[in-house]
Amino acid sequence: MTLNVVTLVGRAGIDPEVKYFESGSVVCNVTLAVNRPSRNSDKPDWFNLEMWGKTAEVAGNYVRKGSLIGITGSLKFDYWQDRSTGAQRSKPVIKVDRLDLLGSKQDAANGARSMGNDYDDDEDF
């Protein structure tokens, strides 16, 4: 049995970056800051999120920098070759399957209209 499930709650570090493709697919990338409960560290852990399909569109429309969101997804790694050094590079990315908009009424008034709506992306890319 294998298991690859990531569940996080945190705040968006940037406004989402949404890209539309000629094929009709849509992808959204955003960073997520998650506070680690610790007495010694006030710095959050940062995660790169990747969303596709309807989930990507919802994130693009409703998530803004500072929005409180919850996600469920799976961990993957993006690999590439550095153009200047030729070295192999990689970075961990969370492929989001479920997006929960967790903001308050005050957040909604400021543009992150969320109020606990859940969005699942059944599309598989």
C-alpha atoms as a PDB file:
ATOM      1  CA  MET A   1       0.000   0.000   0.000  1.00  0.00           C
ATOM      2  CA  THR A   2       1.223   3.505  -0.781  1.00  0.00           C
ATOM      3  CA  LEU A   3      -0.072   6.775   0.566  1.00  0.00           C
ATOM      4  CA  ASN A   4       0.710  10.306  -0.607  1.00  0.00           C
ATOM      5  CA  VAL A   5      -1.672  12.780   1.042  1.00  0.00           C
ATOM      6  CA  VAL A   6      -0.880  16.308   2.179  1.00  0.00           C
ATOM      7  CA  THR A   7      -3.320  18.445   4.178  1.00  0.00           C
ATOM      8  CA  LEU A   8      -2.386  22.031   5.031  1.00  0.00           C
ATOM      9  CA  VAL A   9      -4.046  25.183   6.348  1.00  0.00           C
ATOM     10  CA  GLY A  10      -2.319  28.508   5.909  1.00  0.00           C
ATOM     11  CA  ARG A  11      -2.301  31.867   4.164  1.00  0.00           C
ATOM     12  CA  ALA A  12      -1.599  32.573   0.513  1.00  0.00           C
ATOM     13  CA  GLY A  13       1.804  34.211   0.128  1.00  0.00           C
ATOM     14  CA  ILE A  14       1.040  35.799  -3.248  1.00  0.00           C
ATOM     15  CA  ASP A  15      -1.924  36.482  -5.486  1.00  0.00           C
ATOM     16  CA  PRO A  16      -2.513  33.340  -7.575  1.00  0.00           C
ATOM     17  CA  GLU A  17      -0.815  33.071 -10.962  1.00  0.00           C
ATOM     18  CA  VAL A  18      -3.331  31.623 -13.431  1.00  0.00           C
ATOM     19  CA  LYS A  19      -2.441  30.365 -16.927  1.00  0.00           C
ATOM     20  CA  TYR A  20      -4.909  29.305 -19.619  1.00  0.00           C
ATOM     21  CA  PHE A  21      -3.813  26.927 -22.378  1.00  0.00           C
ATOM     22  CA  GLU A  22      -5.129  26.641 -25.937  1.00  0.00           C
ATOM     23  CA  SER A  23      -6.354  23.146 -25.073  1.00  0.00           C
ATOM     24  CA  GLY A  24      -8.775  24.690 -22.563  1.00  0.00           C
ATOM     25  CA  SER A  25      -6.814  23.558 -19.511  1.00  0.00           C
ATOM     26  CA  VAL A  26      -6.117  26.028 -16.738  1.00  0.00           C
ATOM     27  CA  VAL A  27      -3.404  25.915 -14.064  1.00  0.00           C
ATOM     28  CA  CYS A  28      -2.960  28.070 -10.973  1.00  0.00           C
ATOM     29  CA  ASN A  29       0.196  28.398  -8.881  1.00  0.00           C
ATOM     30  CA  VAL A  30       0.353  30.000  -5.452  1.00  0.00           C
ATOM     31  CA  THR A  31       2.567  29.772  -2.378  1.00  0.00           C
ATOM     32  CA  LEU A  32       1.176  28.873   1.034  1.00  0.00           C
ATOM     33  CA  ALA A  33       2.630  29.969   4.378  1.00  0.00           C
ATOM     34  CA  VAL A  34       1.927  27.562   7.231  1.00  0.00           C
ATOM     35  CA  ASN A  35       2.903  28.412  10.797  1.00  0.00           C
ATOM     36  CA  ARG A  36       4.766  25.670  12.599  1.00  0.00           C
ATOM     37  CA  PRO A  37       3.826  25.457  16.273  1.00  0.00           C
ATOM     38  CA  SER A  38       7.147  26.114  17.953  1.00  0.00           C
ATOM     39  CA  ARG A  39       8.493  28.364  20.667  1.00  0.00           C
ATOM     40  CA  ASN A  40      11.758  28.943  18.816  1.00  0.00           C
ATOM     41  CA  SER A  41      10.524  29.917  15.362  1.00  0.00           C
ATOM     42  CA  ASP A  42       8.278  32.706  14.185  1.00  0.00           C
ATOM     43  CA  LYS A  43       8.955  31.938  10.532  1.00  0.00           C
ATOM     44  CA  PRO A  44       6.375  29.955   8.541  1.00  0.00           C
ATOM     45  CA  ASP A  45       7.033  26.943   6.338  1.00  0.00           C
ATOM     46  CA  TRP A  46       6.423  27.749   2.646  1.00  0.00           C
ATOM     47  CA  PHE A  47       4.803  25.377   0.156  1.00  0.00           C
ATOM     48  CA  ASN A  48       4.350  25.662  -3.612  1.00  0.00           C
ATOM     49  CA  LEU A  49       0.802  24.749  -4.689  1.00  0.00           C
ATOM     50  CA  GLU A  50      -0.374  23.694  -8.154  1.00  0.00           C
ATOM     51  CA  MET A  51      -4.078  23.546  -9.024  1.00  0.00           C
ATOM     52  CA  TRP A  52      -5.799  22.509 -12.255  1.00  0.00           C
ATOM     53  CA  GLY A  53      -9.261  22.835 -13.779  1.00  0.00           C
ATOM     54  CA  LYS A  54     -12.162  24.273 -11.805  1.00  0.00           C
ATOM     55  CA  THR A  55     -10.084  24.397  -8.625  1.00  0.00           C
ATOM     56  CA  ALA A  56      -7.568  26.622 -10.435  1.00  0.00           C
ATOM     57  CA  GLU A  57     -10.336  28.939 -11.656  1.00  0.00           C
ATOM     58  CA  VAL A  58     -11.844  29.232  -8.166  1.00  0.00           C
ATOM     59  CA  ALA A  59      -8.429  30.011  -6.674  1.00  0.00           C
ATOM     60  CA  GLY A  60      -7.803  32.630  -9.347  1.00  0.00           C
ATOM     61  CA  ASN A  61     -11.157  34.281  -8.670  1.00  0.00           C
ATOM     62  CA  TYR A  62     -11.314  34.154  -4.870  1.00  0.00           C
ATOM     63  CA  VAL A  63      -7.852  33.668  -3.329  1.00  0.00           C
ATOM     64  CA  ARG A  64      -5.680  36.718  -2.724  1.00  0.00           C
ATOM     65  CA  LYS A  65      -2.419  37.277  -0.872  1.00  0.00           C
ATOM     66  CA  GLY A  66      -3.166  36.704   2.821  1.00  0.00           C
ATOM     67  CA  SER A  67      -6.312  34.597   2.237  1.00  0.00           C
ATOM     68  CA  LEU A  68      -6.762  31.738   4.695  1.00  0.00           C
ATOM     69  CA  ILE A  69      -7.147  28.481   2.770  1.00  0.00           C
ATOM     70  CA  GLY A  70      -7.049  24.763   3.427  1.00  0.00           C
ATOM     71  CA  ILE A  71      -5.860  22.251   0.860  1.00  0.00           C
ATOM     72  CA  THR A  72      -5.660  18.513   0.403  1.00  0.00           C
ATOM     73  CA  GLY A  73      -3.445  17.078  -2.295  1.00  0.00           C
ATOM     74  CA  SER A  74      -0.373  15.027  -3.029  1.00  0.00           C
ATOM     75  CA  LEU A  75       3.349  15.721  -2.996  1.00  0.00           C
ATOM     76  CA  LYS A  76       5.246  15.666  -6.282  1.00  0.00           C
ATOM     77  CA  PHE A  77       8.624  16.949  -7.448  1.00  0.00           C
ATOM     78  CA  ASP A  78       9.314  19.149 -10.459  1.00  0.00           C
ATOM     79  CA  TYR A  79      12.693  18.476 -12.079  1.00  0.00           C
ATOM     80  CA  TRP A  80      14.677  20.656 -14.506  1.00  0.00           C
ATOM     81  CA  GLN A  81      18.204  21.429 -15.583  1.00  0.00           C
ATOM     82  CA  ASP A  82      19.674  24.786 -14.524  1.00  0.00           C
ATOM     83  CA  ARG A  83      20.452  26.765 -17.694  1.00  0.00           C
ATOM     84  CA  SER A  84      23.481  28.564 -16.301  1.00  0.00           C
ATOM     85  CA  THR A  85      25.226  25.697 -14.480  1.00  0.00           C
ATOM     86  CA  GLY A  86      23.718  22.607 -16.119  1.00  0.00           C
ATOM     87  CA  ALA A  87      22.996  21.166 -12.663  1.00  0.00           C
ATOM     88  CA  GLN A  88      19.897  19.079 -12.047  1.00  0.00           C
ATOM     89  CA  ARG A  89      17.382  20.955  -9.897  1.00  0.00           C
ATOM     90  CA  SER A  90      14.157  19.966  -8.219  1.00  0.00           C
ATOM     91  CA  LYS A  91      11.483  21.470  -6.007  1.00  0.00           C
ATOM     92  CA  PRO A  92       8.614  19.932  -4.073  1.00  0.00           C
ATOM     93  CA  VAL A  93       5.122  20.926  -5.217  1.00  0.00           C
ATOM     94  CA  ILE A  94       1.740  20.091  -3.715  1.00  0.00           C
ATOM     95  CA  LYS A  95      -0.759  19.102  -6.453  1.00  0.00           C
ATOM     96  CA  VAL A  96      -4.019  20.315  -4.917  1.00  0.00           C
ATOM     97  CA  ASP A  97      -7.086  18.079  -5.249  1.00  0.00           C
ATOM     98  CA  ARG A  98      -9.304  19.992  -2.819  1.00  0.00           C
ATOM     99  CA  LEU A  99      -9.378  23.691  -1.951  1.00  0.00           C
ATOM    100  CA  ASP A 100     -11.240  25.036   1.089  1.00  0.00           C
ATOM    101  CA  LEU A 101     -11.754  28.793   1.290  1.00  0.00           C
ATOM    102  CA  LEU A 102     -11.645  29.531   5.006  1.00  0.00           C
ATOM    103  CA  GLY A 103     -11.817  33.302   5.277  1.00  0.00           C
ATOM    104  CA  SER A 104     -14.044  35.334   7.578  1.00  0.00           C
ATOM    105  CA  LYS A 105     -16.816  37.757   6.631  1.00  0.00           C
ATOM    106  CA  GLN A 106     -14.255  40.541   6.923  1.00  0.00           C
ATOM    107  CA  ASP A 107     -11.980  38.719   4.469  1.00  0.00           C
ATOM    108  CA  ALA A 108     -14.938  38.346   2.103  1.00  0.00           C
ATOM    109  CA  ALA A 109     -15.570  42.089   2.233  1.00  0.00           C
ATOM    110  CA  ASN A 110     -11.918  42.610   1.279  1.00  0.00           C
ATOM    111  CA  GLY A 111     -12.143  40.465  -1.846  1.00  0.00           C
ATOM    112  CA  ALA A 112     -11.461  36.925  -0.626  1.00  0.00           C
ATOM    113  CA  ARG A 113     -15.096  35.802  -0.704  1.00  0.00           C
ATOM    114  CA  SER A 114     -14.740  32.397   0.816  1.00  0.00           C
ATOM    115  CA  MET A 115     -16.959  31.551   3.763  1.00  0.00           C
ATOM    116  CA  GLY A 116     -15.982  27.879   3.914  1.00  0.00           C
ATOM    117  CA  ASN A 117     -16.838  26.772   0.367  1.00  0.00           C
ATOM    118  CA  ASP A 118     -15.202  23.531  -0.756  1.00  0.00           C
ATOM    119  CA  TYR A 119     -13.981  22.840  -4.284  1.00  0.00           C
ATOM    120  CA  ASP A 120     -12.846  19.437  -5.510  1.00  0.00           C
ATOM    121  CA  ASP A 121     -11.089  18.955  -8.801  1.00  0.00           C
ATOM    122  CA  ASP A 122     -12.026  15.609 -10.307  1.00  0.00           C
ATOM    123  CA  GLU A 123     -10.044  16.264 -13.462  1.00  0.00           C
ATOM    124  CA  ASP A 124      -6.804  14.302 -13.706  1.00  0.00           C
ATOM    125  CA  PHE A 125      -3.881  15.908 -15.557  1.00  0.00           C
END
